[in-house]
Amino acid sequence: MFDIYFFSFLFLIGGLFHFIKPKIYLRIMPLFIPYRLFFIYFTGFIEILSGIFLFFEKTRMIGVYAIFSLLTIFLIVHINMLRGHKFAAGIPKWILIIRLILQFVLMYWIINL
């Protein structure tokens, strides 16, 4: 049950921040992605919805697959940030590497709920 609450909280808060601080996400989103602000709001909405879906047994698997899909898509951002200082938003490279590894850990964890 801890897993469900952990992911729900993580994605509810993360999704809210897409609406509260979209400029943070704009800084790290690759420039080759069109309609970047739209996608920031859209993924924020999906994160919030997925976090809510985890709470209910009937919708839990939809939430699990949605979160896994988001984590897969977010790999683009994490890999792009490793390209260099300009793309990393001032975050040290070693933290970005740990973050990328954690992304795969979260993907494994969520798909095995």
Foldseek 3Di string as FASTA:
>chain_A
DVLLLVLLVVLLVQLVCLVVPVVVVVQQDDPVDPPSNVVSNVSSVLSNVLSVLCVDPVSNVVSLVSVLVVLVVCLVSLVQLLPDDSNVVNDDNVVSVVVSVVSVVVNVSSVVD
